[in-house]
Every structure is written in C-alpha cells, then in structure tokens.
Amino acid sequence: TQKKLMRYMFEKYGKPTWFIDRLIYT
C-alpha cells in the first residue's frame, strides 16, 4: 500500500510520503 500511495501522491501532488506522514499523526 505504501508503494502504491507513494507513486500516486508523488505524481499527483508532490507529496510522496503522505501515507507515512498521515500514520505519524493518526
């Protein structure tokens, strides 16, 4: 899941570690 979301968020928003950062908060 991390790899899928990294690629999508990097290419779409320039925020590749969103998944990890979101978990750091939640």
mmCIF file of all heavy atoms, coordinates in Angstrom:
data_MODEL
# 
_entry.id   MODEL 
# 
loop_
_atom_site.group_PDB 
_atom_site.id 
_atom_site.type_symbol 
_atom_site.label_atom_id 
_atom_site.label_alt_id 
_atom_site.label_comp_id 
_atom_site.label_asym_id 
_atom_site.label_entity_id 
_atom_site.label_seq_id 
_atom_site.pdbx_PDB_ins_code 
_atom_site.Cartn_x 
_atom_site.Cartn_y 
_atom_site.Cartn_z 
_atom_site.occupancy 
_atom_site.B_iso_or_equiv 
_atom_site.pdbx_formal_charge 
_atom_site.auth_seq_id 
_atom_site.auth_comp_id 
_atom_site.auth_asym_id 
_atom_site.auth_atom_id 
_atom_site.pdbx_PDB_model_num 
ATOM 1   N N   . THR A 1 1  ? 0.833  -1.208 0.000   1.00 0.00 ? 1  THR A N   1 
ATOM 2   C CA  . THR A 1 1  ? 0.000  0.000  0.000   1.00 0.00 ? 1  THR A CA  1 
ATOM 3   C C   . THR A 1 1  ? 0.862  1.250  0.000   1.00 0.00 ? 1  THR A C   1 
ATOM 4   O O   . THR A 1 1  ? 0.572  2.221  -0.711  1.00 0.00 ? 1  THR A O   1 
ATOM 5   C CB  . THR A 1 1  ? -0.932 -0.007 1.220   1.00 0.00 ? 1  THR A CB  1 
ATOM 6   O OG1 . THR A 1 1  ? -1.826 -1.117 1.119   1.00 0.00 ? 1  THR A OG1 1 
ATOM 7   C CG2 . THR A 1 1  ? -1.732 1.285  1.310   1.00 0.00 ? 1  THR A CG2 1 
ATOM 8   N N   . GLN A 1 2  ? 1.933  1.243  0.777   1.00 0.00 ? 2  GLN A N   1 
ATOM 9   C CA  . GLN A 1 2  ? 2.814  2.411  0.825   1.00 0.00 ? 2  GLN A CA  1 
ATOM 10  C C   . GLN A 1 2  ? 3.372  2.732  -0.554  1.00 0.00 ? 2  GLN A C   1 
ATOM 11  O O   . GLN A 1 2  ? 3.386  3.896  -0.978  1.00 0.00 ? 2  GLN A O   1 
ATOM 12  C CB  . GLN A 1 2  ? 3.963  2.183  1.799   1.00 0.00 ? 2  GLN A CB  1 
ATOM 13  C CG  . GLN A 1 2  ? 4.909  3.379  1.894   1.00 0.00 ? 2  GLN A CG  1 
ATOM 14  C CD  . GLN A 1 2  ? 6.065  3.158  2.857   1.00 0.00 ? 2  GLN A CD  1 
ATOM 15  O OE1 . GLN A 1 2  ? 6.003  2.291  3.714   1.00 0.00 ? 2  GLN A OE1 1 
ATOM 16  N NE2 . GLN A 1 2  ? 7.120  3.925  2.706   1.00 0.00 ? 2  GLN A NE2 1 
ATOM 17  N N   . LYS A 1 3  ? 3.817  1.720  -1.280  1.00 0.00 ? 3  LYS A N   1 
ATOM 18  C CA  . LYS A 1 3  ? 4.395  1.971  -2.608  1.00 0.00 ? 3  LYS A CA  1 
ATOM 19  C C   . LYS A 1 3  ? 3.350  2.523  -3.577  1.00 0.00 ? 3  LYS A C   1 
ATOM 20  O O   . LYS A 1 3  ? 3.625  3.460  -4.343  1.00 0.00 ? 3  LYS A O   1 
ATOM 21  C CB  . LYS A 1 3  ? 5.004  0.681  -3.156  1.00 0.00 ? 3  LYS A CB  1 
ATOM 22  C CG  . LYS A 1 3  ? 6.269  0.257  -2.439  1.00 0.00 ? 3  LYS A CG  1 
ATOM 23  C CD  . LYS A 1 3  ? 6.871  -0.993 -3.081  1.00 0.00 ? 3  LYS A CD  1 
ATOM 24  C CE  . LYS A 1 3  ? 8.165  -1.378 -2.381  1.00 0.00 ? 3  LYS A CE  1 
ATOM 25  N NZ  . LYS A 1 3  ? 8.839  -2.535 -3.004  1.00 0.00 ? 3  LYS A NZ  1 
ATOM 26  N N   . LYS A 1 4  ? 2.150  1.964  -3.532  1.00 0.00 ? 4  LYS A N   1 
ATOM 27  C CA  . LYS A 1 4  ? 1.088  2.458  -4.419  1.00 0.00 ? 4  LYS A CA  1 
ATOM 28  C C   . LYS A 1 4  ? 0.764  3.916  -4.119  1.00 0.00 ? 4  LYS A C   1 
ATOM 29  O O   . LYS A 1 4  ? 0.649  4.748  -5.032  1.00 0.00 ? 4  LYS A O   1 
ATOM 30  C CB  . LYS A 1 4  ? -0.166 1.598  -4.257  1.00 0.00 ? 4  LYS A CB  1 
ATOM 31  C CG  . LYS A 1 4  ? -0.059 0.183  -4.796  1.00 0.00 ? 4  LYS A CG  1 
ATOM 32  C CD  . LYS A 1 4  ? -1.340 -0.584 -4.494  1.00 0.00 ? 4  LYS A CD  1 
ATOM 33  C CE  . LYS A 1 4  ? -1.276 -2.014 -5.019  1.00 0.00 ? 4  LYS A CE  1 
ATOM 34  N NZ  . LYS A 1 4  ? -2.520 -2.775 -4.697  1.00 0.00 ? 4  LYS A NZ  1 
ATOM 35  N N   . LEU A 1 5  ? 0.616  4.213  -2.832  1.00 0.00 ? 5  LEU A N   1 
ATOM 36  C CA  . LEU A 1 5  ? 0.250  5.573  -2.455  1.00 0.00 ? 5  LEU A CA  1 
ATOM 37  C C   . LEU A 1 5  ? 1.398  6.550  -2.667  1.00 0.00 ? 5  LEU A C   1 
ATOM 38  O O   . LEU A 1 5  ? 1.166  7.716  -3.020  1.00 0.00 ? 5  LEU A O   1 
ATOM 39  C CB  . LEU A 1 5  ? -0.207 5.603  -0.992  1.00 0.00 ? 5  LEU A CB  1 
ATOM 40  C CG  . LEU A 1 5  ? -1.556 4.942  -0.718  1.00 0.00 ? 5  LEU A CG  1 
ATOM 41  C CD1 . LEU A 1 5  ? -1.844 4.905  0.768   1.00 0.00 ? 5  LEU A CD1 1 
ATOM 42  C CD2 . LEU A 1 5  ? -2.686 5.667  -1.453  1.00 0.00 ? 5  LEU A CD2 1 
ATOM 43  N N   . MET A 1 6  ? 2.627  6.083  -2.474  1.00 0.00 ? 6  MET A N   1 
ATOM 44  C CA  . MET A 1 6  ? 3.765  6.967  -2.729  1.00 0.00 ? 6  MET A CA  1 
ATOM 45  C C   . MET A 1 6  ? 3.801  7.411  -4.176  1.00 0.00 ? 6  MET A C   1 
ATOM 46  O O   . MET A 1 6  ? 3.983  8.594  -4.479  1.00 0.00 ? 6  MET A O   1 
ATOM 47  C CB  . MET A 1 6  ? 5.075  6.272  -2.355  1.00 0.00 ? 6  MET A CB  1 
ATOM 48  C CG  . MET A 1 6  ? 5.377  6.277  -0.872  1.00 0.00 ? 6  MET A CG  1 
ATOM 49  S SD  . MET A 1 6  ? 7.039  5.679  -0.512  1.00 0.00 ? 6  MET A SD  1 
ATOM 50  C CE  . MET A 1 6  ? 8.024  7.025  -1.170  1.00 0.00 ? 6  MET A CE  1 
ATOM 51  N N   . ARG A 1 7  ? 3.619  6.464  -5.084  1.00 0.00 ? 7  ARG A N   1 
ATOM 52  C CA  . ARG A 1 7  ? 3.680  6.809  -6.505  1.00 0.00 ? 7  ARG A CA  1 
ATOM 53  C C   . ARG A 1 7  ? 2.533  7.754  -6.877  1.00 0.00 ? 7  ARG A C   1 
ATOM 54  O O   . ARG A 1 7  ? 2.730  8.759  -7.566  1.00 0.00 ? 7  ARG A O   1 
ATOM 55  C CB  . ARG A 1 7  ? 3.651  5.542  -7.354  1.00 0.00 ? 7  ARG A CB  1 
ATOM 56  C CG  . ARG A 1 7  ? 4.916  4.702  -7.242  1.00 0.00 ? 7  ARG A CG  1 
ATOM 57  C CD  . ARG A 1 7  ? 4.837  3.463  -8.123  1.00 0.00 ? 7  ARG A CD  1 
ATOM 58  N NE  . ARG A 1 7  ? 4.809  3.816  -9.531  1.00 0.00 ? 7  ARG A NE  1 
ATOM 59  C CZ  . ARG A 1 7  ? 5.861  3.766  -10.355 1.00 0.00 ? 7  ARG A CZ  1 
ATOM 60  N NH1 . ARG A 1 7  ? 7.047  3.382  -9.892  1.00 0.00 ? 7  ARG A NH1 1 
ATOM 61  N NH2 . ARG A 1 7  ? 5.750  4.089  -11.618 1.00 0.00 ? 7  ARG A NH2 1 
ATOM 62  N N   . TYR A 1 8  ? 1.336  7.455  -6.404  1.00 0.00 ? 8  TYR A N   1 
ATOM 63  C CA  . TYR A 1 8  ? 0.192  8.305  -6.757  1.00 0.00 ? 8  TYR A CA  1 
ATOM 64  C C   . TYR A 1 8  ? 0.351  9.709  -6.175  1.00 0.00 ? 8  TYR A C   1 
ATOM 65  O O   . TYR A 1 8  ? 0.187  10.716 -6.879  1.00 0.00 ? 8  TYR A O   1 
ATOM 66  C CB  . TYR A 1 8  ? -1.109 7.676  -6.265  1.00 0.00 ? 8  TYR A CB  1 
ATOM 67  C CG  . TYR A 1 8  ? -2.301 8.573  -6.497  1.00 0.00 ? 8  TYR A CG  1 
ATOM 68  C CD1 . TYR A 1 8  ? -2.805 8.760  -7.787  1.00 0.00 ? 8  TYR A CD1 1 
ATOM 69  C CD2 . TYR A 1 8  ? -2.909 9.264  -5.443  1.00 0.00 ? 8  TYR A CD2 1 
ATOM 70  C CE1 . TYR A 1 8  ? -3.885 9.605  -8.021  1.00 0.00 ? 8  TYR A CE1 1 
ATOM 71  C CE2 . TYR A 1 8  ? -3.981 10.112 -5.663  1.00 0.00 ? 8  TYR A CE2 1 
ATOM 72  C CZ  . TYR A 1 8  ? -4.462 10.284 -6.954  1.00 0.00 ? 8  TYR A CZ  1 
ATOM 73  O OH  . TYR A 1 8  ? -5.520 11.131 -7.183  1.00 0.00 ? 8  TYR A OH  1 
ATOM 74  N N   . MET A 1 9  ? 0.666  9.796  -4.897  1.00 0.00 ? 9  MET A N   1 
ATOM 75  C CA  . MET A 1 9  ? 0.740  11.098 -4.238  1.00 0.00 ? 9  MET A CA  1 
ATOM 76  C C   . MET A 1 9  ? 1.933  11.914 -4.738  1.00 0.00 ? 9  MET A C   1 
ATOM 77  O O   . MET A 1 9  ? 1.875  13.144 -4.769  1.00 0.00 ? 9  MET A O   1 
ATOM 78  C CB  . MET A 1 9  ? 0.807  10.917 -2.729  1.00 0.00 ? 9  MET A CB  1 
ATOM 79  C CG  . MET A 1 9  ? -0.459 10.340 -2.114  1.00 0.00 ? 9  MET A CG  1 
ATOM 80  S SD  . MET A 1 9  ? -1.909 11.414 -2.302  1.00 0.00 ? 9  MET A SD  1 
ATOM 81  C CE  . MET A 1 9  ? -1.465 12.783 -1.235  1.00 0.00 ? 9  MET A CE  1 
ATOM 82  N N   . PHE A 1 10 ? 3.011  11.243 -5.116  1.00 0.00 ? 10 PHE A N   1 
ATOM 83  C CA  . PHE A 1 10 ? 4.174  11.937 -5.682  1.00 0.00 ? 10 PHE A CA  1 
ATOM 84  C C   . PHE A 1 10 ? 3.818  12.539 -7.038  1.00 0.00 ? 10 PHE A C   1 
ATOM 85  O O   . PHE A 1 10 ? 4.062  13.720 -7.301  1.00 0.00 ? 10 PHE A O   1 
ATOM 86  C CB  . PHE A 1 10 ? 5.324  10.946 -5.817  1.00 0.00 ? 10 PHE A CB  1 
ATOM 87  C CG  . PHE A 1 10 ? 6.581  11.506 -6.419  1.00 0.00 ? 10 PHE A CG  1 
ATOM 88  C CD1 . PHE A 1 10 ? 7.034  12.768 -6.107  1.00 0.00 ? 10 PHE A CD1 1 
ATOM 89  C CD2 . PHE A 1 10 ? 7.339  10.736 -7.296  1.00 0.00 ? 10 PHE A CD2 1 
ATOM 90  C CE1 . PHE A 1 10 ? 8.209  13.284 -6.652  1.00 0.00 ? 10 PHE A CE1 1 
ATOM 91  C CE2 . PHE A 1 10 ? 8.512  11.230 -7.844  1.00 0.00 ? 10 PHE A CE2 1 
ATOM 92  C CZ  . PHE A 1 10 ? 8.941  12.507 -7.530  1.00 0.00 ? 10 PHE A CZ  1 
ATOM 93  N N   . GLU A 1 11 ? 3.209  11.744 -7.883  1.00 0.00 ? 11 GLU A N   1 
ATOM 94  C CA  . GLU A 1 11 ? 2.923  12.182 -9.246  1.00 0.00 ? 11 GLU A CA  1 
ATOM 95  C C   . GLU A 1 11 ? 1.759  13.170 -9.293  1.00 0.00 ? 11 GLU A C   1 
ATOM 96  O O   . GLU A 1 11 ? 1.734  14.072 -10.140 1.00 0.00 ? 11 GLU A O   1 
ATOM 97  C CB  . GLU A 1 11 ? 2.645  10.969 -10.127 1.00 0.00 ? 11 GLU A CB  1 
ATOM 98  C CG  . GLU A 1 11 ? 3.873  10.066 -10.286 1.00 0.00 ? 11 GLU A CG  1 
ATOM 99  C CD  . GLU A 1 11 ? 3.562  8.732  -10.950 1.00 0.00 ? 11 GLU A CD  1 
ATOM 100 O OE1 . GLU A 1 11 ? 2.525  8.634  -11.661 1.00 0.00 ? 11 GLU A OE1 1 
ATOM 101 O OE2 . GLU A 1 11 ? 4.341  7.771  -10.758 1.00 0.00 ? 11 GLU A OE2 1 
ATOM 102 N N   . LYS A 1 12 ? 0.800  13.018 -8.377  1.00 0.00 ? 12 LYS A N   1 
ATOM 103 C CA  . LYS A 1 12 ? -0.385 13.879 -8.390  1.00 0.00 ? 12 LYS A CA  1 
ATOM 104 C C   . LYS A 1 12 ? -0.181 15.167 -7.601  1.00 0.00 ? 12 LYS A C   1 
ATOM 105 O O   . LYS A 1 12 ? -0.574 16.259 -8.049  1.00 0.00 ? 12 LYS A O   1 
ATOM 106 C CB  . LYS A 1 12 ? -1.571 13.106 -7.807  1.00 0.00 ? 12 LYS A CB  1 
ATOM 107 C CG  . LYS A 1 12 ? -2.862 13.897 -7.672  1.00 0.00 ? 12 LYS A CG  1 
ATOM 108 C CD  . LYS A 1 12 ? -3.543 14.132 -8.988  1.00 0.00 ? 12 LYS A CD  1 
ATOM 109 C CE  . LYS A 1 12 ? -4.913 14.772 -8.775  1.00 0.00 ? 12 LYS A CE  1 
ATOM 110 N NZ  . LYS A 1 12 ? -5.622 15.019 -10.040 1.00 0.00 ? 12 LYS A NZ  1 
ATOM 111 N N   . TYR A 1 13 ? 0.442  15.061 -6.414  1.00 0.00 ? 13 TYR A N   1 
ATOM 112 C CA  . TYR A 1 13 ? 0.504  16.199 -5.505  1.00 0.00 ? 13 TYR A CA  1 
ATOM 113 C C   . TYR A 1 13 ? 1.923  16.592 -5.095  1.00 0.00 ? 13 TYR A C   1 
ATOM 114 O O   . TYR A 1 13 ? 2.094  17.599 -4.401  1.00 0.00 ? 13 TYR A O   1 
ATOM 115 C CB  . TYR A 1 13 ? -0.289 15.897 -4.228  1.00 0.00 ? 13 TYR A CB  1 
ATOM 116 C CG  . TYR A 1 13 ? -1.766 15.698 -4.449  1.00 0.00 ? 13 TYR A CG  1 
ATOM 117 C CD1 . TYR A 1 13 ? -2.326 14.429 -4.379  1.00 0.00 ? 13 TYR A CD1 1 
ATOM 118 C CD2 . TYR A 1 13 ? -2.600 16.777 -4.726  1.00 0.00 ? 13 TYR A CD2 1 
ATOM 119 C CE1 . TYR A 1 13 ? -3.689 14.232 -4.564  1.00 0.00 ? 13 TYR A CE1 1 
ATOM 120 C CE2 . TYR A 1 13 ? -3.964 16.593 -4.913  1.00 0.00 ? 13 TYR A CE2 1 
ATOM 121 C CZ  . TYR A 1 13 ? -4.505 15.318 -4.835  1.00 0.00 ? 13 TYR A CZ  1 
ATOM 122 O OH  . TYR A 1 13 ? -5.851 15.131 -5.021  1.00 0.00 ? 13 TYR A OH  1 
ATOM 123 N N   . GLY A 1 14 ? 2.922  15.818 -5.467  1.00 0.00 ? 14 GLY A N   1 
ATOM 124 C CA  . GLY A 1 14 ? 4.264  16.094 -4.985  1.00 0.00 ? 14 GLY A CA  1 
ATOM 125 C C   . GLY A 1 14 ? 4.400  15.859 -3.493  1.00 0.00 ? 14 GLY A C   1 
ATOM 126 O O   . GLY A 1 14 ? 5.214  16.508 -2.828  1.00 0.00 ? 14 GLY A O   1 
ATOM 127 N N   . LYS A 1 15 ? 3.623  14.895 -2.951  1.00 0.00 ? 15 LYS A N   1 
ATOM 128 C CA  . LYS A 1 15 ? 3.636  14.576 -1.508  1.00 0.00 ? 15 LYS A CA  1 
ATOM 129 C C   . LYS A 1 15 ? 3.818  13.066 -1.336  1.00 0.00 ? 15 LYS A C   1 
ATOM 130 O O   . LYS A 1 15 ? 2.911  12.371 -0.884  1.00 0.00 ? 15 LYS A O   1 
ATOM 131 C CB  . LYS A 1 15 ? 2.350  15.061 -0.838  1.00 0.00 ? 15 LYS A CB  1 
ATOM 132 C CG  . LYS A 1 15 ? 2.120  16.551 -0.959  1.00 0.00 ? 15 LYS A CG  1 
ATOM 133 C CD  . LYS A 1 15 ? 0.786  16.974 -0.358  1.00 0.00 ? 15 LYS A CD  1 
ATOM 134 C CE  . LYS A 1 15 ? 0.794  16.868 1.144   1.00 0.00 ? 15 LYS A CE  1 
ATOM 135 N NZ  . LYS A 1 15 ? -0.423 17.486 1.755   1.00 0.00 ? 15 LYS A NZ  1 
ATOM 136 N N   . PRO A 1 16 ? 4.987  12.544 -1.682  1.00 0.00 ? 16 PRO A N   1 
ATOM 137 C CA  . PRO A 1 16 ? 5.147  11.079 -1.757  1.00 0.00 ? 16 PRO A CA  1 
ATOM 138 C C   . PRO A 1 16 ? 4.985  10.340 -0.442  1.00 0.00 ? 16 PRO A C   1 
ATOM 139 O O   . PRO A 1 16 ? 4.557  9.185  -0.434  1.00 0.00 ? 16 PRO A O   1 
ATOM 140 C CB  . PRO A 1 16 ? 6.567  10.910 -2.303  1.00 0.00 ? 16 PRO A CB  1 
ATOM 141 C CG  . PRO A 1 16 ? 7.267  12.183 -1.961  1.00 0.00 ? 16 PRO A CG  1 
ATOM 142 C CD  . PRO A 1 16 ? 6.219  13.249 -2.066  1.00 0.00 ? 16 PRO A CD  1 
ATOM 143 N N   . THR A 1 17 ? 5.330  10.951 0.671   1.00 0.00 ? 17 THR A N   1 
ATOM 144 C CA  . THR A 1 17 ? 5.253  10.227 1.944   1.00 0.00 ? 17 THR A CA  1 
ATOM 145 C C   . THR A 1 17 ? 3.958  10.527 2.694   1.00 0.00 ? 17 THR A C   1 
ATOM 146 O O   . THR A 1 17 ? 3.889  10.357 3.914   1.00 0.00 ? 17 THR A O   1 
ATOM 147 C CB  . THR A 1 17 ? 6.469  10.549 2.837   1.00 0.00 ? 17 THR A CB  1 
ATOM 148 O OG1 . THR A 1 17 ? 6.489  11.947 3.129   1.00 0.00 ? 17 THR A OG1 1 
ATOM 149 C CG2 . THR A 1 17 ? 7.761  10.136 2.169   1.00 0.00 ? 17 THR A CG2 1 
ATOM 150 N N   . TRP A 1 18 ? 2.916  10.926 1.973   1.00 0.00 ? 18 TRP A N   1 
ATOM 151 C CA  . TRP A 1 18 ? 1.648  11.245 2.636   1.00 0.00 ? 18 TRP A CA  1 
ATOM 152 C C   . TRP A 1 18 ? 1.170  10.095 3.516   1.00 0.00 ? 18 TRP A C   1 
ATOM 153 O O   . TRP A 1 18 ? 0.725  10.324 4.654   1.00 0.00 ? 18 TRP A O   1 
ATOM 154 C CB  . TRP A 1 18 ? 0.566  11.577 1.594   1.00 0.00 ? 18 TRP A CB  1 
ATOM 155 C CG  . TRP A 1 18 ? -0.780 11.768 2.235   1.00 0.00 ? 18 TRP A CG  1 
ATOM 156 C CD1 . TRP A 1 18 ? -1.275 12.913 2.762   1.00 0.00 ? 18 TRP A CD1 1 
ATOM 157 C CD2 . TRP A 1 18 ? -1.788 10.771 2.447   1.00 0.00 ? 18 TRP A CD2 1 
ATOM 158 N NE1 . TRP A 1 18 ? -2.533 12.700 3.298   1.00 0.00 ? 18 TRP A NE1 1 
ATOM 159 C CE2 . TRP A 1 18 ? -2.870 11.391 3.111   1.00 0.00 ? 18 TRP A CE2 1 
ATOM 160 C CE3 . TRP A 1 18 ? -1.884 9.405  2.137   1.00 0.00 ? 18 TRP A CE3 1 
ATOM 161 C CZ2 . TRP A 1 18 ? -4.033 10.699 3.472   1.00 0.00 ? 18 TRP A CZ2 1 
ATOM 162 C CZ3 . TRP A 1 18 ? -3.035 8.711  2.501   1.00 0.00 ? 18 TRP A CZ3 1 
ATOM 163 C CH2 . TRP A 1 18 ? -4.089 9.355  3.154   1.00 0.00 ? 18 TRP A CH2 1 
ATOM 164 N N   . PHE A 1 19 ? 1.241  8.874  3.039   1.00 0.00 ? 19 PHE A N   1 
ATOM 165 C CA  . PHE A 1 19 ? 0.745  7.716  3.794   1.00 0.00 ? 19 PHE A CA  1 
ATOM 166 C C   . PHE A 1 19 ? 1.473  7.593  5.131   1.00 0.00 ? 19 PHE A C   1 
ATOM 167 O O   . PHE A 1 19 ? 0.849  7.447  6.188   1.00 0.00 ? 19 PHE A O   1 
ATOM 168 C CB  . PHE A 1 19 ? 0.933  6.448  2.956   1.00 0.00 ? 19 PHE A CB  1 
ATOM 169 C CG  . PHE A 1 19 ? 0.435  5.187  3.602   1.00 0.00 ? 19 PHE A CG  1 
ATOM 170 C CD1 . PHE A 1 19 ? -0.851 5.085  4.085   1.00 0.00 ? 19 PHE A CD1 1 
ATOM 171 C CD2 . PHE A 1 19 ? 1.274  4.089  3.710   1.00 0.00 ? 19 PHE A CD2 1 
ATOM 172 C CE1 . PHE A 1 19 ? -1.310 3.904  4.668   1.00 0.00 ? 19 PHE A CE1 1 
ATOM 173 C CE2 . PHE A 1 19 ? 0.831  2.914  4.289   1.00 0.00 ? 19 PHE A CE2 1 
ATOM 174 C CZ  . PHE A 1 19 ? -0.462 2.817  4.768   1.00 0.00 ? 19 PHE A CZ  1 
ATOM 175 N N   . ILE A 1 20 ? 2.802  7.694  5.093   1.00 0.00 ? 20 ILE A N   1 
ATOM 176 C CA  . ILE A 1 20 ? 3.593  7.606  6.328   1.00 0.00 ? 20 ILE A CA  1 
ATOM 177 C C   . ILE A 1 20 ? 3.288  8.790  7.234   1.00 0.00 ? 20 ILE A C   1 
ATOM 178 O O   . ILE A 1 20 ? 3.088  8.641  8.447   1.00 0.00 ? 20 ILE A O   1 
ATOM 179 C CB  . ILE A 1 20 ? 5.095  7.551  5.994   1.00 0.00 ? 20 ILE A CB  1 
ATOM 180 C CG1 . ILE A 1 20 ? 5.420  6.273  5.197   1.00 0.00 ? 20 ILE A CG1 1 
ATOM 181 C CG2 . ILE A 1 20 ? 5.938  7.623  7.267   1.00 0.00 ? 20 ILE A CG2 1 
ATOM 182 C CD1 . ILE A 1 20 ? 5.122  4.995  5.938   1.00 0.00 ? 20 ILE A CD1 1 
ATOM 183 N N   . ASP A 1 21 ? 3.259  9.981  6.667   1.00 0.00 ? 21 ASP A N   1 
ATOM 184 C CA  . ASP A 1 21 ? 3.005  11.181 7.473   1.00 0.00 ? 21 ASP A CA  1 
ATOM 185 C C   . ASP A 1 21 ? 1.616  11.138 8.101   1.00 0.00 ? 21 ASP A C   1 
ATOM 186 O O   . ASP A 1 21 ? 1.424  11.549 9.250   1.00 0.00 ? 21 ASP A O   1 
ATOM 187 C CB  . ASP A 1 21 ? 3.157  12.436 6.620   1.00 0.00 ? 21 ASP A CB  1 
ATOM 188 C CG  . ASP A 1 21 ? 4.589  12.665 6.174   1.00 0.00 ? 21 ASP A CG  1 
ATOM 189 O OD1 . ASP A 1 21 ? 5.500  12.281 6.918   1.00 0.00 ? 21 ASP A OD1 1 
ATOM 190 O OD2 . ASP A 1 21 ? 4.792  13.219 5.084   1.00 0.00 ? 21 ASP A OD2 1 
ATOM 191 N N   . ARG A 1 22 ? 0.643  10.658 7.353   1.00 0.00 ? 22 ARG A N   1 
ATOM 192 C CA  . ARG A 1 22 ? -0.704 10.540 7.894   1.00 0.00 ? 22 ARG A CA  1 
ATOM 193 C C   . ARG A 1 22 ? -0.721 9.576  9.086   1.00 0.00 ? 22 ARG A C   1 
ATOM 194 O O   . ARG A 1 22 ? -1.340 9.860  10.116  1.00 0.00 ? 22 ARG A O   1 
ATOM 195 C CB  . ARG A 1 22 ? -1.656 10.048 6.806   1.00 0.00 ? 22 ARG A CB  1 
ATOM 196 C CG  . ARG A 1 22 ? -3.112 9.943  7.235   1.00 0.00 ? 22 ARG A CG  1 
ATOM 197 C CD  . ARG A 1 22 ? -3.748 11.289 7.460   1.00 0.00 ? 22 ARG A CD  1 
ATOM 198 N NE  . ARG A 1 22 ? -5.144 11.148 7.890   1.00 0.00 ? 22 ARG A NE  1 
ATOM 199 C CZ  . ARG A 1 22 ? -5.912 12.158 8.256   1.00 0.00 ? 22 ARG A CZ  1 
ATOM 200 N NH1 . ARG A 1 22 ? -5.433 13.387 8.251   1.00 0.00 ? 22 ARG A NH1 1 
ATOM 201 N NH2 . ARG A 1 22 ? -7.158 11.955 8.628   1.00 0.00 ? 22 ARG A NH2 1 
ATOM 202 N N   . LEU A 1 23 ? -0.022 8.453  8.965   1.00 0.00 ? 23 LEU A N   1 
ATOM 203 C CA  . LEU A 1 23 ? 0.038  7.495  10.066  1.00 0.00 ? 23 LEU A CA  1 
ATOM 204 C C   . LEU A 1 23 ? 0.763  8.084  11.276  1.00 0.00 ? 23 LEU A C   1 
ATOM 205 O O   . LEU A 1 23 ? 0.408  7.788  12.425  1.00 0.00 ? 23 LEU A O   1 
ATOM 206 C CB  . LEU A 1 23 ? 0.730  6.213  9.614   1.00 0.00 ? 23 LEU A CB  1 
ATOM 207 C CG  . LEU A 1 23 ? -0.018 5.365  8.580   1.00 0.00 ? 23 LEU A CG  1 
ATOM 208 C CD1 . LEU A 1 23 ? 0.812  4.155  8.173   1.00 0.00 ? 23 LEU A CD1 1 
ATOM 209 C CD2 . LEU A 1 23 ? -1.371 4.914  9.110   1.00 0.00 ? 23 LEU A CD2 1 
ATOM 210 N N   . ILE A 1 24 ? 1.789  8.900  11.023  1.00 0.00 ? 24 ILE A N   1 
ATOM 211 C CA  . ILE A 1 24 ? 2.501  9.540  12.137  1.00 0.00 ? 24 ILE A CA  1 
ATOM 212 C C   . ILE A 1 24 ? 1.540  10.395 12.955  1.00 0.00 ? 24 ILE A C   1 
ATOM 213 O O   . ILE A 1 24 ? 1.685  10.518 14.176  1.00 0.00 ? 24 ILE A O   1 
ATOM 214 C CB  . ILE A 1 24 ? 3.678  10.376 11.599  1.00 0.00 ? 24 ILE A CB  1 
ATOM 215 C CG1 . ILE A 1 24 ? 4.799  9.431  11.105  1.00 0.00 ? 24 ILE A CG1 1 
ATOM 216 C CG2 . ILE A 1 24 ? 4.221  11.333 12.657  1.00 0.00 ? 24 ILE A CG2 1 
ATOM 217 C CD1 . ILE A 1 24 ? 5.919  10.129 10.385  1.00 0.00 ? 24 ILE A CD1 1 
ATOM 218 N N   . TYR A 1 25 ? 0.519  10.942 12.302  1.00 0.00 ? 25 TYR A N   1 
ATOM 219 C CA  . TYR A 1 25 ? -0.477 11.748 13.002  1.00 0.00 ? 25 TYR A CA  1 
ATOM 220 C C   . TYR A 1 25 ? -1.579 10.885 13.614  1.00 0.00 ? 25 TYR A C   1 
ATOM 221 O O   . TYR A 1 25 ? -2.027 11.154 14.743  1.00 0.00 ? 25 TYR A O   1 
ATOM 222 C CB  . TYR A 1 25 ? -1.099 12.763 12.039  1.00 0.00 ? 25 TYR A CB  1 
ATOM 223 C CG  . TYR A 1 25 ? -0.225 13.966 11.810  1.00 0.00 ? 25 TYR A CG  1 
ATOM 224 C CD1 . TYR A 1 25 ? 0.916  13.889 11.027  1.00 0.00 ? 25 TYR A CD1 1 
ATOM 225 C CD2 . TYR A 1 25 ? -0.538 15.192 12.384  1.00 0.00 ? 25 TYR A CD2 1 
ATOM 226 C CE1 . TYR A 1 25 ? 1.724  14.988 10.825  1.00 0.00 ? 25 TYR A CE1 1 
ATOM 227 C CE2 . TYR A 1 25 ? 0.258  16.304 12.182  1.00 0.00 ? 25 TYR A CE2 1 
ATOM 228 C CZ  . TYR A 1 25 ? 1.398  16.191 11.403  1.00 0.00 ? 25 TYR A CZ  1 
ATOM 229 O OH  . TYR A 1 25 ? 2.200  17.278 11.209  1.00 0.00 ? 25 TYR A OH  1 
ATOM 230 N N   . THR A 1 26 ? -2.071 9.881  12.890  1.00 0.00 ? 26 THR A N   1 
ATOM 231 C CA  . THR A 1 26 ? -3.233 9.121  13.365  1.00 0.00 ? 26 THR A CA  1 
ATOM 232 C C   . THR A 1 26 ? -2.866 7.996  14.326  1.00 0.00 ? 26 THR A C   1 
ATOM 233 O O   . THR A 1 26 ? -3.602 7.728  15.282  1.00 0.00 ? 26 THR A O   1 
ATOM 234 C CB  . THR A 1 26 ? -4.011 8.518  12.185  1.00 0.00 ? 26 THR A CB  1 
ATOM 235 O OG1 . THR A 1 26 ? -3.146 7.658  11.416  1.00 0.00 ? 26 THR A OG1 1 
ATOM 236 C CG2 . THR A 1 26 ? -4.576 9.614  11.284  1.00 0.00 ? 26 THR A CG2 1 
# 
